[in-house]
Amino acid sequence: MSELYSVLGLEKGASKEEIAKAYRQLALKYHPDRNPGDKESESKFKEVAAAHEVLSDDGKRAEYDHFGSTGGKRFHSVHDDFFRSVFRQNPFGGGGPLRPRGRDIVLEHEVTLEQVLSGDDVVITYRKRELCSECDGLGGERDVCPECNGTCFRVIHGQAMTVKTPCQMCEGTGKRITEVCEKCTGGFVDASGESSINFKVPQGVETGMRFGFTGHGEPIAGGKTGNLFVVIRVKPHEFFERLQNGNILCKVPVSYTQLVFGGAIEVPGLKGKISVEVPAGTSSHNKFRLEGQGLPVFTNRGGIYKTGDQLVRVELEVPTELDGEYKEIIERLAEFEKENDNG
């Protein structure tokens, strides 16, 4: 039963002074005003505030220490659904219901290395929930919340600051459901069709890059529609390995005589075949650099500031089957090397 204490970095027997001090330090460290846009800090701040609310109250603390919960409900350290929109508002601001935002949707989209090279225009389709037309997305009939009396908020008083948080019972709306809608689940129904967006794949895009589309997520009653995020995954290529800074690598099998005598060889390139001159006496696994034959390097400003190179690694291809004249030639070569071995 030390979960709440560990949130504040304390042991179970911590004094009120230690709890207040830890809360002040952590609340200041993770406060959203000090960490704008930092979702991890926002989550930490919510955990700290929730832990302090229980541990600073003698009755709630005693109940938690004994049962591991308060108010007949097991305590959870993170209330993501409950808090998901509160810190888009001023936590110290005035009353009134929060303007919630619908759920964001995250999609993964696979692109080829050729699309990374040239960019592409694609259409991405996806499904999302829609608001129930029967209850207008409210989930049923609603009445004034008895917990907050329609004020939408609860106030947590601390020694360092006073934090206003949404009411847990009504999730900051000021109302609670008194009769559940039978046509939906929580105000949502599955969409009858697919949604789609036009997406321009940027040149030089890399795996893990994320692109946002405002207002293309899920709707919510009385609030703003969520956003859509497209996360890129670059498909592994048959010939090329992607390196850093726009460089690519391909491995090309060559024969023993090509390494010994040298000569021109054809290698694959993203734009077509490329001729590479191999010097006589080249060792296996040597690399040759073809400048400007790699990938564009993407910048967050949407431009390309350079193009990488293509590295070609020649690798000796050893025959697995020998017969006829080829075998006789290799055998004579082996005898010659043995006769001329000075070791």
C-alpha atoms as a PDB file:
ATOM      1  CA  MET A   1       0.000   0.000   0.000  1.00  0.00           C
ATOM      2  CA  SER A   2       2.900   2.361  -0.624  1.00  0.00           C
ATOM      3  CA  GLU A   3       1.888   3.391  -4.154  1.00  0.00           C
ATOM      4  CA  LEU A   4       0.767   6.909  -3.205  1.00  0.00           C
ATOM      5  CA  TYR A   5       3.799   7.423  -1.008  1.00  0.00           C
ATOM      6  CA  SER A   6       6.155   6.327  -3.799  1.00  0.00           C
ATOM      7  CA  VAL A   7       4.532   8.875  -6.132  1.00  0.00           C
ATOM      8  CA  LEU A   8       5.822  11.556  -3.755  1.00  0.00           C
ATOM      9  CA  GLY A   9       9.127   9.732  -3.218  1.00  0.00           C
ATOM     10  CA  LEU A  10       8.292   8.924   0.420  1.00  0.00           C
ATOM     11  CA  GLU A  11       7.971   5.955   2.749  1.00  0.00           C
ATOM     12  CA  LYS A  12       4.645   4.982   4.325  1.00  0.00           C
ATOM     13  CA  GLY A  13       5.463   6.537   7.699  1.00  0.00           C
ATOM     14  CA  ALA A  14       6.210  10.007   6.285  1.00  0.00           C
ATOM     15  CA  SER A  15       5.161  12.986   8.381  1.00  0.00           C
ATOM     16  CA  LYS A  16       2.720  15.685   7.274  1.00  0.00           C
ATOM     17  CA  GLU A  17       5.638  18.078   6.867  1.00  0.00           C
ATOM     18  CA  GLU A  18       7.494  15.621   4.625  1.00  0.00           C
ATOM     19  CA  ILE A  19       4.374  15.069   2.533  1.00  0.00           C
ATOM     20  CA  ALA A  20       3.800  18.814   2.135  1.00  0.00           C
ATOM     21  CA  LYS A  21       7.443  19.453   1.251  1.00  0.00           C
ATOM     22  CA  ALA A  22       7.585  16.638  -1.306  1.00  0.00           C
ATOM     23  CA  TYR A  23       4.336  17.842  -2.851  1.00  0.00           C
ATOM     24  CA  ARG A  24       5.563  21.431  -3.177  1.00  0.00           C
ATOM     25  CA  GLN A  25       8.787  20.363  -4.858  1.00  0.00           C
ATOM     26  CA  LEU A  26       7.188  17.929  -7.293  1.00  0.00           C
ATOM     27  CA  ALA A  27       4.210  20.171  -8.099  1.00  0.00           C
ATOM     28  CA  LEU A  28       6.546  22.999  -9.017  1.00  0.00           C
ATOM     29  CA  LYS A  29       8.805  20.663 -11.008  1.00  0.00           C
ATOM     30  CA  TYR A  30       6.033  19.109 -13.107  1.00  0.00           C
ATOM     31  CA  HIS A  31       3.554  21.986 -13.293  1.00  0.00           C
ATOM     32  CA  PRO A  32       2.173  22.345 -16.864  1.00  0.00           C
ATOM     33  CA  ASP A  33       2.956  26.073 -16.909  1.00  0.00           C
ATOM     34  CA  ARG A  34       6.629  25.202 -16.463  1.00  0.00           C
ATOM     35  CA  ASN A  35       6.532  22.350 -18.971  1.00  0.00           C
ATOM     36  CA  PRO A  36       4.250  23.465 -21.802  1.00  0.00           C
ATOM     37  CA  GLY A  37       3.377  20.640 -24.171  1.00  0.00           C
ATOM     38  CA  ASP A  38       5.230  18.007 -22.115  1.00  0.00           C
ATOM     39  CA  LYS A  39       2.730  15.163 -21.734  1.00  0.00           C
ATOM     40  CA  GLU A  40       4.942  13.208 -19.340  1.00  0.00           C
ATOM     41  CA  SER A  41       5.231  16.172 -16.963  1.00  0.00           C
ATOM     42  CA  GLU A  42       1.477  16.712 -17.218  1.00  0.00           C
ATOM     43  CA  SER A  43       0.866  13.098 -16.222  1.00  0.00           C
ATOM     44  CA  LYS A  44       3.356  13.341 -13.345  1.00  0.00           C
ATOM     45  CA  PHE A  45       1.685  16.506 -12.047  1.00  0.00           C
ATOM     46  CA  LYS A  46      -1.691  14.791 -12.017  1.00  0.00           C
ATOM     47  CA  GLU A  47      -0.308  11.824 -10.085  1.00  0.00           C
ATOM     48  CA  VAL A  48       1.362  14.108  -7.550  1.00  0.00           C
ATOM     49  CA  ALA A  49      -1.815  16.174  -7.019  1.00  0.00           C
ATOM     50  CA  ALA A  50      -3.967  13.059  -6.616  1.00  0.00           C
ATOM     51  CA  ALA A  51      -1.516  11.476  -4.146  1.00  0.00           C
ATOM     52  CA  HIS A  52      -1.295  14.662  -2.103  1.00  0.00           C
ATOM     53  CA  GLU A  53      -5.078  14.990  -1.963  1.00  0.00           C
ATOM     54  CA  VAL A  54      -5.322  11.644  -0.173  1.00  0.00           C
ATOM     55  CA  LEU A  55      -2.206  11.749   2.010  1.00  0.00           C
ATOM     56  CA  SER A  56      -2.750  15.300   3.250  1.00  0.00           C
ATOM     57  CA  ASP A  57      -6.195  14.386   4.601  1.00  0.00           C
ATOM     58  CA  ASP A  58      -6.019  12.450   7.888  1.00  0.00           C
ATOM     59  CA  GLY A  59      -9.230  10.537   7.268  1.00  0.00           C
ATOM     60  CA  LYS A  60      -8.450   9.586   3.669  1.00  0.00           C
ATOM     61  CA  ARG A  61      -4.874   8.699   4.562  1.00  0.00           C
ATOM     62  CA  ALA A  62      -5.981   6.398   7.369  1.00  0.00           C
ATOM     63  CA  GLU A  63      -8.484   4.722   5.081  1.00  0.00           C
ATOM     64  CA  TYR A  64      -5.888   4.309   2.355  1.00  0.00           C
ATOM     65  CA  ASP A  65      -3.267   2.948   4.774  1.00  0.00           C
ATOM     66  CA  HIS A  66      -5.736   0.362   6.025  1.00  0.00           C
ATOM     67  CA  PHE A  67      -7.616  -0.644   2.885  1.00  0.00           C
ATOM     68  CA  GLY A  68      -5.394   0.566   0.061  1.00  0.00           C
ATOM     69  CA  SER A  69      -8.263   2.657  -1.264  1.00  0.00           C
ATOM     70  CA  THR A  70     -10.535   5.590  -0.459  1.00  0.00           C
ATOM     71  CA  GLY A  71     -14.280   6.023  -0.806  1.00  0.00           C
ATOM     72  CA  GLY A  72     -14.796   2.318  -1.493  1.00  0.00           C
ATOM     73  CA  LYS A  73     -12.761   2.483  -4.754  1.00  0.00           C
ATOM     74  CA  ARG A  74      -9.290   1.192  -5.391  1.00  0.00           C
ATOM     75  CA  PHE A  75      -6.962   4.119  -6.059  1.00  0.00           C
ATOM     76  CA  HIS A  76      -5.228   4.303  -9.438  1.00  0.00           C
ATOM     77  CA  SER A  77      -2.207   6.523  -9.835  1.00  0.00           C
ATOM     78  CA  VAL A  78      -3.115   7.798 -13.310  1.00  0.00           C
ATOM     79  CA  HIS A  79      -6.597   9.003 -14.307  1.00  0.00           C
ATOM     80  CA  ASP A  80      -6.003   9.507 -18.024  1.00  0.00           C
ATOM     81  CA  ASP A  81      -9.639   9.524 -19.123  1.00  0.00           C
ATOM     82  CA  PHE A  82     -10.635  11.829 -16.289  1.00  0.00           C
ATOM     83  CA  PHE A  83      -7.826  14.327 -16.703  1.00  0.00           C
ATOM     84  CA  ARG A  84      -7.247  14.193 -20.440  1.00  0.00           C
ATOM     85  CA  SER A  85      -8.455  17.733 -21.084  1.00  0.00           C
ATOM     86  CA  VAL A  86      -8.132  19.567 -17.779  1.00  0.00           C
ATOM     87  CA  PHE A  87      -4.720  21.098 -18.379  1.00  0.00           C
ATOM     88  CA  ARG A  88      -5.760  22.496 -21.708  1.00  0.00           C
ATOM     89  CA  GLN A  89      -7.593  24.884 -19.406  1.00  0.00           C
ATOM     90  CA  ASN A  90      -6.077  27.138 -16.724  1.00  0.00           C
ATOM     91  CA  PRO A  91      -6.056  24.935 -13.583  1.00  0.00           C
ATOM     92  CA  PHE A  92      -6.474  28.066 -11.478  1.00  0.00           C
ATOM     93  CA  GLY A  93      -9.117  29.686 -13.696  1.00  0.00           C
ATOM     94  CA  GLY A  94     -12.813  30.273 -13.257  1.00  0.00           C
ATOM     95  CA  GLY A  95     -15.674  27.804 -13.075  1.00  0.00           C
ATOM     96  CA  GLY A  96     -17.889  26.385 -15.776  1.00  0.00           C
ATOM     97  CA  PRO A  97     -17.788  23.099 -17.631  1.00  0.00           C
ATOM     98  CA  LEU A  98     -14.629  22.094 -19.418  1.00  0.00           C
ATOM     99  CA  ARG A  99     -14.576  22.048 -23.186  1.00  0.00           C
ATOM    100  CA  PRO A 100     -13.366  18.506 -23.779  1.00  0.00           C
ATOM    101  CA  ARG A 101     -11.534  17.260 -26.838  1.00  0.00           C
ATOM    102  CA  GLY A 102     -12.266  14.008 -28.610  1.00  0.00           C
ATOM    103  CA  ARG A 103      -9.900  11.085 -28.676  1.00  0.00           C
ATOM    104  CA  ASP A 104      -6.850  11.322 -30.916  1.00  0.00           C
ATOM    105  CA  ILE A 105      -6.291   8.572 -33.477  1.00  0.00           C
ATOM    106  CA  VAL A 106      -2.816   7.278 -34.275  1.00  0.00           C
ATOM    107  CA  LEU A 107      -2.227   5.366 -37.528  1.00  0.00           C
ATOM    108  CA  GLU A 108       0.894   3.714 -38.893  1.00  0.00           C
ATOM    109  CA  HIS A 109       1.570   4.177 -42.601  1.00  0.00           C
ATOM    110  CA  GLU A 110       4.227   2.189 -44.468  1.00  0.00           C
ATOM    111  CA  VAL A 111       6.240   3.803 -47.268  1.00  0.00           C
ATOM    112  CA  THR A 112       8.878   2.415 -49.609  1.00  0.00           C
ATOM    113  CA  LEU A 113      12.433   3.663 -49.985  1.00  0.00           C
ATOM    114  CA  GLU A 114      11.481   4.897 -53.455  1.00  0.00           C
ATOM    115  CA  GLN A 115       8.771   7.073 -51.861  1.00  0.00           C
ATOM    116  CA  VAL A 116      11.347   8.389 -49.400  1.00  0.00           C
ATOM    117  CA  LEU A 117      13.478   9.394 -52.382  1.00  0.00           C
ATOM    118  CA  SER A 118      10.828  11.165 -54.440  1.00  0.00           C
ATOM    119  CA  GLY A 119       7.923  11.798 -52.062  1.00  0.00           C
ATOM    120  CA  ASP A 120       4.385  10.748 -52.919  1.00  0.00           C
ATOM    121  CA  ASP A 121       0.723  11.712 -52.618  1.00  0.00           C
ATOM    122  CA  VAL A 122      -1.344   8.978 -50.985  1.00  0.00           C
ATOM    123  CA  VAL A 123      -4.855   8.553 -49.599  1.00  0.00           C
ATOM    124  CA  ILE A 124      -5.073   7.044 -46.114  1.00  0.00           C
ATOM    125  CA  THR A 125      -8.355   5.473 -44.977  1.00  0.00           C
ATOM    126  CA  TYR A 126      -9.309   4.710 -41.391  1.00  0.00           C
ATOM    127  CA  ARG A 127     -12.290   4.141 -39.122  1.00  0.00           C
ATOM    128  CA  LYS A 128     -13.418   6.156 -36.118  1.00  0.00           C
ATOM    129  CA  ARG A 129     -16.394   6.241 -33.774  1.00  0.00           C
ATOM    130  CA  GLU A 130     -19.184   8.767 -34.347  1.00  0.00           C
ATOM    131  CA  LEU A 131     -21.540  10.453 -31.912  1.00  0.00           C
ATOM    132  CA  CYS A 132     -24.841   8.723 -31.254  1.00  0.00           C
ATOM    133  CA  SER A 133     -27.716  10.608 -32.923  1.00  0.00           C
ATOM    134  CA  GLU A 134     -30.196   9.285 -30.369  1.00  0.00           C
ATOM    135  CA  CYS A 135     -28.582  11.007 -27.366  1.00  0.00           C
ATOM    136  CA  ASP A 136     -26.397  13.520 -29.254  1.00  0.00           C
ATOM    137  CA  GLY A 137     -23.291  11.819 -27.931  1.00  0.00           C
ATOM    138  CA  LEU A 138     -24.170  12.383 -24.261  1.00  0.00           C
ATOM    139  CA  GLY A 139     -24.557   8.697 -23.435  1.00  0.00           C
ATOM    140  CA  GLY A 140     -28.055   9.181 -22.012  1.00  0.00           C
ATOM    141  CA  GLU A 141     -30.174  11.550 -19.947  1.00  0.00           C
ATOM    142  CA  ARG A 142     -28.186  13.838 -17.631  1.00  0.00           C
ATOM    143  CA  ASP A 143     -28.851  15.741 -14.419  1.00  0.00           C
ATOM    144  CA  VAL A 144     -26.826  18.071 -12.186  1.00  0.00           C
ATOM    145  CA  CYS A 145     -23.894  16.281 -10.583  1.00  0.00           C
ATOM    146  CA  PRO A 146     -24.478  15.844  -6.818  1.00  0.00           C
ATOM    147  CA  GLU A 147     -20.753  15.710  -6.091  1.00  0.00           C
ATOM    148  CA  CYS A 148     -19.872  19.202  -7.371  1.00  0.00           C
ATOM    149  CA  ASN A 149     -23.417  20.638  -7.554  1.00  0.00           C
ATOM    150  CA  GLY A 150     -22.844  21.522 -11.185  1.00  0.00           C
ATOM    151  CA  THR A 151     -19.700  23.578 -10.557  1.00  0.00           C
ATOM    152  CA  CYS A 152     -17.637  21.023 -12.538  1.00  0.00           C
ATOM    153  CA  PHE A 153     -14.606  21.348 -10.235  1.00  0.00           C
ATOM    154  CA  ARG A 154     -13.134  20.232  -6.953  1.00  0.00           C
ATOM    155  CA  VAL A 155     -10.575  22.387  -5.156  1.00  0.00           C
ATOM    156  CA  ILE A 156      -7.494  20.846  -3.542  1.00  0.00           C
ATOM    157  CA  HIS A 157      -5.866  23.090  -0.956  1.00  0.00           C
ATOM    158  CA  GLY A 158      -2.147  22.638  -0.400  1.00  0.00           C
ATOM    159  CA  GLN A 159       0.424  24.559   1.598  1.00  0.00           C
ATOM    160  CA  ALA A 160       2.191  25.746  -1.541  1.00  0.00           C
ATOM    161  CA  MET A 161      -0.729  26.223  -3.892  1.00  0.00           C
ATOM    162  CA  THR A 162      -4.402  25.610  -4.512  1.00  0.00           C
ATOM    163  CA  VAL A 163      -5.224  23.331  -7.424  1.00  0.00           C
ATOM    164  CA  LYS A 164      -8.606  23.183  -9.097  1.00  0.00           C
ATOM    165  CA  THR A 165      -9.339  19.797 -10.685  1.00  0.00           C
ATOM    166  CA  PRO A 166     -12.351  18.447 -12.577  1.00  0.00           C
ATOM    167  CA  CYS A 167     -14.958  16.606 -10.569  1.00  0.00           C
ATOM    168  CA  GLN A 168     -14.350  12.872 -10.888  1.00  0.00           C
ATOM    169  CA  MET A 169     -18.011  11.911 -10.812  1.00  0.00           C
ATOM    170  CA  CYS A 170     -19.029  14.046 -13.814  1.00  0.00           C
ATOM    171  CA  GLU A 171     -15.578  14.383 -15.435  1.00  0.00           C
ATOM    172  CA  GLY A 172     -15.749  18.142 -15.326  1.00  0.00           C
ATOM    173  CA  THR A 173     -19.072  18.502 -17.142  1.00  0.00           C
ATOM    174  CA  GLY A 174     -21.230  19.464 -14.154  1.00  0.00           C
ATOM    175  CA  LYS A 175     -23.738  16.744 -15.010  1.00  0.00           C
ATOM    176  CA  ARG A 176     -24.008  12.994 -14.611  1.00  0.00           C
ATOM    177  CA  ILE A 177     -25.924  10.331 -16.523  1.00  0.00           C
ATOM    178  CA  THR A 178     -29.167   9.301 -14.870  1.00  0.00           C
ATOM    179  CA  GLU A 179     -30.493   7.085 -17.671  1.00  0.00           C
ATOM    180  CA  VAL A 180     -28.147   5.268 -20.070  1.00  0.00           C
ATOM    181  CA  CYS A 181     -28.852   5.435 -23.804  1.00  0.00           C
ATOM    182  CA  GLU A 182     -29.618   1.990 -25.229  1.00  0.00           C
ATOM    183  CA  LYS A 183     -28.483   2.856 -28.753  1.00  0.00           C
ATOM    184  CA  CYS A 184     -24.804   3.501 -28.024  1.00  0.00           C
ATOM    185  CA  THR A 185     -21.856   2.909 -25.761  1.00  0.00           C
ATOM    186  CA  GLY A 186     -20.849   5.997 -23.842  1.00  0.00           C
ATOM    187  CA  GLY A 187     -22.333   8.256 -26.503  1.00  0.00           C
ATOM    188  CA  PHE A 188     -20.518   6.606 -29.414  1.00  0.00           C
ATOM    189  CA  VAL A 189     -21.492   4.295 -32.260  1.00  0.00           C
ATOM    190  CA  ASP A 190     -19.284   2.627 -34.847  1.00  0.00           C
ATOM    191  CA  ALA A 191     -18.983   4.643 -38.044  1.00  0.00           C
ATOM    192  CA  SER A 192     -20.946   3.289 -41.010  1.00  0.00           C
ATOM    193  CA  GLY A 193     -18.176   4.140 -43.477  1.00  0.00           C
ATOM    194  CA  GLU A 194     -14.477   4.905 -43.708  1.00  0.00           C
ATOM    195  CA  SER A 195     -12.852   8.290 -43.283  1.00  0.00           C
ATOM    196  CA  SER A 196      -9.928   9.328 -45.476  1.00  0.00           C
ATOM    197  CA  ILE A 197      -7.260  11.995 -45.746  1.00  0.00           C
ATOM    198  CA  ASN A 198      -4.845  13.034 -48.472  1.00  0.00           C
ATOM    199  CA  PHE A 199      -1.281  12.706 -47.217  1.00  0.00           C
ATOM    200  CA  LYS A 200       1.807  14.010 -48.976  1.00  0.00           C
ATOM    201  CA  VAL A 201       4.751  11.775 -48.087  1.00  0.00           C
ATOM    202  CA  PRO A 202       7.693  14.164 -47.611  1.00  0.00           C
ATOM    203  CA  GLN A 203      11.010  13.420 -49.292  1.00  0.00           C
ATOM    204  CA  GLY A 204      13.549  12.039 -46.825  1.00  0.00           C
ATOM    205  CA  VAL A 205      10.931  10.935 -44.284  1.00  0.00           C
ATOM    206  CA  GLU A 206      12.164   8.480 -41.649  1.00  0.00           C
ATOM    207  CA  THR A 207      10.634   5.694 -39.583  1.00  0.00           C
ATOM    208  CA  GLY A 208       8.969   7.062 -36.456  1.00  0.00           C
ATOM    209  CA  MET A 209       8.233  10.539 -37.810  1.00  0.00           C
ATOM    210  CA  ARG A 210       4.717  11.661 -36.889  1.00  0.00           C
ATOM    211  CA  PHE A 211       2.438  14.027 -38.808  1.00  0.00           C
ATOM    212  CA  GLY A 212      -0.715  15.559 -37.341  1.00  0.00           C
ATOM    213  CA  PHE A 213      -4.071  16.411 -38.920  1.00  0.00           C
ATOM    214  CA  THR A 214      -6.140  18.711 -36.729  1.00  0.00           C
ATOM    215  CA  GLY A 215      -9.797  17.804 -36.316  1.00  0.00           C
ATOM    216  CA  HIS A 216      -9.609  14.407 -38.045  1.00  0.00           C
ATOM    217  CA  GLY A 217      -9.842  12.352 -34.857  1.00  0.00           C
ATOM    218  CA  GLU A 218     -12.973  11.371 -32.948  1.00  0.00           C
ATOM    219  CA  PRO A 219     -15.714  13.871 -32.067  1.00  0.00           C
ATOM    220  CA  ILE A 220     -17.031  14.434 -28.565  1.00  0.00           C
ATOM    221  CA  ALA A 221     -20.275  15.955 -27.328  1.00  0.00           C
ATOM    222  CA  GLY A 222     -19.927  19.659 -26.533  1.00  0.00           C
ATOM    223  CA  GLY A 223     -16.244  19.761 -27.397  1.00  0.00           C
ATOM    224  CA  LYS A 224     -13.596  19.815 -30.082  1.00  0.00           C
ATOM    225  CA  THR A 225     -12.904  16.912 -32.396  1.00  0.00           C
ATOM    226  CA  GLY A 226      -9.650  15.102 -31.675  1.00  0.00           C
ATOM    227  CA  ASN A 227      -6.684  14.930 -34.020  1.00  0.00           C
ATOM    228  CA  LEU A 228      -5.288  12.296 -36.342  1.00  0.00           C
ATOM    229  CA  PHE A 229      -1.607  11.368 -36.237  1.00  0.00           C
ATOM    230  CA  VAL A 230       0.141   9.405 -38.985  1.00  0.00           C
ATOM    231  CA  VAL A 231       3.299   7.593 -37.893  1.00  0.00           C
ATOM    232  CA  ILE A 232       5.682   6.601 -40.698  1.00  0.00           C
ATOM    233  CA  ARG A 233       7.331   3.215 -41.054  1.00  0.00           C
ATOM    234  CA  VAL A 234       9.792   2.772 -43.922  1.00  0.00           C
ATOM    235  CA  LYS A 235       9.586  -0.685 -45.470  1.00  0.00           C
ATOM    236  CA  PRO A 236      12.863  -2.649 -45.594  1.00  0.00           C
ATOM    237  CA  HIS A 237      14.318  -2.680 -49.121  1.00  0.00           C
ATOM    238  CA  GLU A 238      15.375  -5.745 -51.094  1.00  0.00           C
ATOM    239  CA  PHE A 239      18.811  -4.343 -51.993  1.00  0.00           C
ATOM    240  CA  PHE A 240      19.492  -1.233 -49.936  1.00  0.00           C
ATOM    241  CA  GLU A 241      20.213  -0.687 -46.279  1.00  0.00           C
ATOM    242  CA  ARG A 242      19.421   2.798 -45.021  1.00  0.00           C
ATOM    243  CA  LEU A 243      22.247   4.478 -43.106  1.00  0.00           C
ATOM    244  CA  GLN A 244      22.469   7.840 -41.355  1.00  0.00           C
ATOM    245  CA  ASN A 245      22.540  11.252 -43.048  1.00  0.00           C
ATOM    246  CA  GLY A 246      20.763  10.057 -46.186  1.00  0.00           C
ATOM    247  CA  ASN A 247      23.368   7.411 -47.052  1.00  0.00           C
ATOM    248  CA  ILE A 248      22.400   3.974 -48.347  1.00  0.00           C
ATOM    249  CA  LEU A 249      24.397   0.771 -48.687  1.00  0.00           C
ATOM    250  CA  CYS A 250      24.144  -2.057 -51.195  1.00  0.00           C
ATOM    251  CA  LYS A 251      26.156  -5.281 -51.316  1.00  0.00           C
ATOM    252  CA  VAL A 252      27.224  -6.475 -54.747  1.00  0.00           C
ATOM    253  CA  PRO A 253      28.595  -9.997 -55.389  1.00  0.00           C
ATOM    254  CA  VAL A 254      31.681 -10.117 -57.631  1.00  0.00           C
ATOM    255  CA  SER A 255      33.929 -12.907 -58.906  1.00  0.00           C
ATOM    256  CA  TYR A 256      37.539 -13.555 -57.998  1.00  0.00           C
ATOM    257  CA  THR A 257      38.738 -12.402 -61.417  1.00  0.00           C
ATOM    258  CA  GLN A 258      36.766  -9.150 -61.164  1.00  0.00           C
ATOM    259  CA  LEU A 259      38.625  -8.371 -57.944  1.00  0.00           C
ATOM    260  CA  VAL A 260      41.994  -9.378 -59.366  1.00  0.00           C
ATOM    261  CA  PHE A 261      41.774  -7.715 -62.796  1.00  0.00           C
ATOM    262  CA  GLY A 262      39.283  -4.953 -62.019  1.00  0.00           C
ATOM    263  CA  GLY A 263      36.833  -3.512 -64.493  1.00  0.00           C
ATOM    264  CA  ALA A 264      33.420  -1.898 -64.701  1.00  0.00           C
ATOM    265  CA  ILE A 265      30.463  -3.501 -62.921  1.00  0.00           C
ATOM    266  CA  GLU A 266      26.792  -2.545 -62.898  1.00  0.00           C
ATOM    267  CA  VAL A 267      25.172  -1.958 -59.516  1.00  0.00           C
ATOM    268  CA  PRO A 268      21.538  -1.165 -58.606  1.00  0.00           C
ATOM    269  CA  GLY A 269      20.637   2.420 -57.764  1.00  0.00           C
ATOM    270  CA  LEU A 270      17.379   3.955 -56.557  1.00  0.00           C
ATOM    271  CA  LYS A 271      17.052   5.714 -59.919  1.00  0.00           C
ATOM    272  CA  GLY A 272      18.391   2.877 -62.083  1.00  0.00           C
ATOM    273  CA  LYS A 273      21.596   0.988 -62.866  1.00  0.00           C
ATOM    274  CA  ILE A 274      24.936   2.674 -62.127  1.00  0.00           C
ATOM    275  CA  SER A 275      28.347   1.746 -63.536  1.00  0.00           C
ATOM    276  CA  VAL A 276      31.160   1.443 -60.975  1.00  0.00           C
ATOM    277  CA  GLU A 277      34.843   1.051 -61.891  1.00  0.00           C
ATOM    278  CA  VAL A 278      36.546  -1.554 -59.690  1.00  0.00           C
ATOM    279  CA  PRO A 279      40.351  -1.129 -59.573  1.00  0.00           C
ATOM    280  CA  ALA A 280      42.569  -4.180 -60.133  1.00  0.00           C
ATOM    281  CA  GLY A 281      43.602  -5.870 -56.883  1.00  0.00           C
ATOM    282  CA  THR A 282      40.506  -4.842 -54.947  1.00  0.00           C
ATOM    283  CA  SER A 283      39.820  -6.794 -51.757  1.00  0.00           C
ATOM    284  CA  SER A 284      36.464  -8.274 -50.897  1.00  0.00           C
ATOM    285  CA  HIS A 285      34.266  -5.994 -48.721  1.00  0.00           C
ATOM    286  CA  ASN A 286      35.879  -2.819 -50.074  1.00  0.00           C
ATOM    287  CA  LYS A 287      33.429   0.069 -50.334  1.00  0.00           C
ATOM    288  CA  PHE A 288      32.965   2.600 -53.113  1.00  0.00           C
ATOM    289  CA  ARG A 289      31.134   5.887 -52.567  1.00  0.00           C
ATOM    290  CA  LEU A 290      28.756   7.268 -55.184  1.00  0.00           C
ATOM    291  CA  GLU A 291      28.172  10.884 -54.207  1.00  0.00           C
ATOM    292  CA  GLY A 292      24.630  12.233 -54.339  1.00  0.00           C
ATOM    293  CA  GLN A 293      23.075   8.855 -55.140  1.00  0.00           C
ATOM    294  CA  GLY A 294      21.514   8.399 -51.695  1.00  0.00           C
ATOM    295  CA  LEU A 295      18.379   9.794 -50.070  1.00  0.00           C
ATOM    296  CA  PRO A 296      17.342  13.376 -49.358  1.00  0.00           C
ATOM    297  CA  VAL A 297      17.672  14.443 -45.727  1.00  0.00           C
ATOM    298  CA  PHE A 298      14.383  15.737 -44.346  1.00  0.00           C
ATOM    299  CA  THR A 299      14.147  18.823 -42.127  1.00  0.00           C
ATOM    300  CA  ASN A 300      11.302  19.724 -39.768  1.00  0.00           C
ATOM    301  CA  ARG A 301      10.793  22.915 -41.751  1.00  0.00           C
ATOM    302  CA  GLY A 302       9.725  20.826 -44.723  1.00  0.00           C
ATOM    303  CA  GLY A 303      12.847  21.346 -46.838  1.00  0.00           C
ATOM    304  CA  ILE A 304      15.760  19.217 -47.984  1.00  0.00           C
ATOM    305  CA  TYR A 305      19.166  20.455 -46.926  1.00  0.00           C
ATOM    306  CA  LYS A 306      21.312  17.745 -48.546  1.00  0.00           C
ATOM    307  CA  THR A 307      21.289  14.412 -50.369  1.00  0.00           C
ATOM    308  CA  GLY A 308      23.254  11.450 -49.074  1.00  0.00           C
ATOM    309  CA  ASP A 309      25.565   9.063 -50.900  1.00  0.00           C
ATOM    310  CA  GLN A 310      25.314   5.461 -52.004  1.00  0.00           C
ATOM    311  CA  LEU A 311      27.934   3.061 -50.665  1.00  0.00           C
ATOM    312  CA  VAL A 312      28.686  -0.040 -52.730  1.00  0.00           C
ATOM    313  CA  ARG A 313      30.366  -2.946 -50.943  1.00  0.00           C
ATOM    314  CA  VAL A 314      31.838  -5.604 -53.237  1.00  0.00           C
ATOM    315  CA  GLU A 315      31.776  -9.112 -51.806  1.00  0.00           C
ATOM    316  CA  LEU A 316      33.552 -12.140 -53.228  1.00  0.00           C
ATOM    317  CA  GLU A 317      31.054 -14.678 -54.482  1.00  0.00           C
ATOM    318  CA  VAL A 318      32.406 -18.187 -53.925  1.00  0.00           C
ATOM    319  CA  PRO A 319      30.938 -20.828 -56.267  1.00  0.00           C
ATOM    320  CA  THR A 320      29.256 -23.698 -54.436  1.00  0.00           C
ATOM    321  CA  GLU A 321      29.351 -26.146 -57.360  1.00  0.00           C
ATOM    322  CA  LEU A 322      32.278 -26.747 -59.721  1.00  0.00           C
ATOM    323  CA  ASP A 323      32.278 -28.996 -62.779  1.00  0.00           C
ATOM    324  CA  GLY A 324      33.866 -29.366 -66.156  1.00  0.00           C
ATOM    325  CA  GLU A 325      36.452 -26.907 -67.431  1.00  0.00           C
ATOM    326  CA  TYR A 326      35.733 -24.416 -64.619  1.00  0.00           C
ATOM    327  CA  LYS A 327      36.747 -27.020 -62.047  1.00  0.00           C
ATOM    328  CA  GLU A 328      39.924 -27.889 -63.985  1.00  0.00           C
ATOM    329  CA  ILE A 329      40.939 -24.214 -64.129  1.00  0.00           C
ATOM    330  CA  ILE A 330      40.427 -23.753 -60.376  1.00  0.00           C
ATOM    331  CA  GLU A 331      42.398 -26.951 -59.668  1.00  0.00           C
ATOM    332  CA  ARG A 332      45.312 -25.730 -61.819  1.00  0.00           C
ATOM    333  CA  LEU A 333      45.188 -22.364 -60.021  1.00  0.00           C
ATOM    334  CA  ALA A 334      45.306 -24.145 -56.664  1.00  0.00           C
ATOM    335  CA  GLU A 335      48.356 -26.189 -57.785  1.00  0.00           C
ATOM    336  CA  PHE A 336      50.074 -23.054 -59.057  1.00  0.00           C
ATOM    337  CA  GLU A 337      49.475 -21.225 -55.760  1.00  0.00           C
ATOM    338  CA  LYS A 338      50.781 -24.204 -53.833  1.00  0.00           C
ATOM    339  CA  GLU A 339      53.967 -24.414 -55.946  1.00  0.00           C
ATOM    340  CA  ASN A 340      54.602 -20.705 -55.537  1.00  0.00           C
ATOM    341  CA  ASP A 341      53.858 -20.597 -51.836  1.00  0.00           C
ATOM    342  CA  ASN A 342      57.003 -19.342 -50.156  1.00  0.00           C
ATOM    343  CA  GLY A 343      55.644 -20.241 -46.714  1.00  0.00           C
END
